[in-house]
Amino acid sequence: QVQLVESGGGLVQAGDSLRVSCAPSRRTSTNYAMGWFRQAPGREREFVAAISKSGLSTHVADSIKGRFTISRGNAENTVYLHMNNMKPEDTAIYYCASNDGSMFYAGGDPSKYVYWGQGTQVTVSS
């Protein structure tokens, strides 16, 4: 069982940048495919970005392409979501998720992710 912990959320203004982080609560022996999802009030959870085990393959949702990027840290299963030129519609709880090692890349399908963090609130004021 892997517990994921997100951090770095907060209140920013439109146009600002923010980086949220995700790390496992205990050391893992291998990298997993990982992703970020978000859920705004009154809306369903939606895919934001995904990254492969190696970090060489990434994908960002079309609606935010060009503003958000995903990257891996040096420690196993540490991932970052870099958000630039933020907009009020980016306000949501951001969740980190990981596969269990059975897939090289999990993409935007939430059913392919096994472990989920508790989420970190990101609020963008206009």
Foldseek 3Di string as FASTA:
>chain_A
DWEKAKDWADEEAQQAKTKMKIDTPDADDFAFKKFKWWDDPPGDIFGAKTAFRVRPDIDGDPVQPPFWDKGADPGHPMIMIIGGSDDQVVWTWMKMFTAPRPDRHDPTDPVRTDYIYPTDTHGYHD
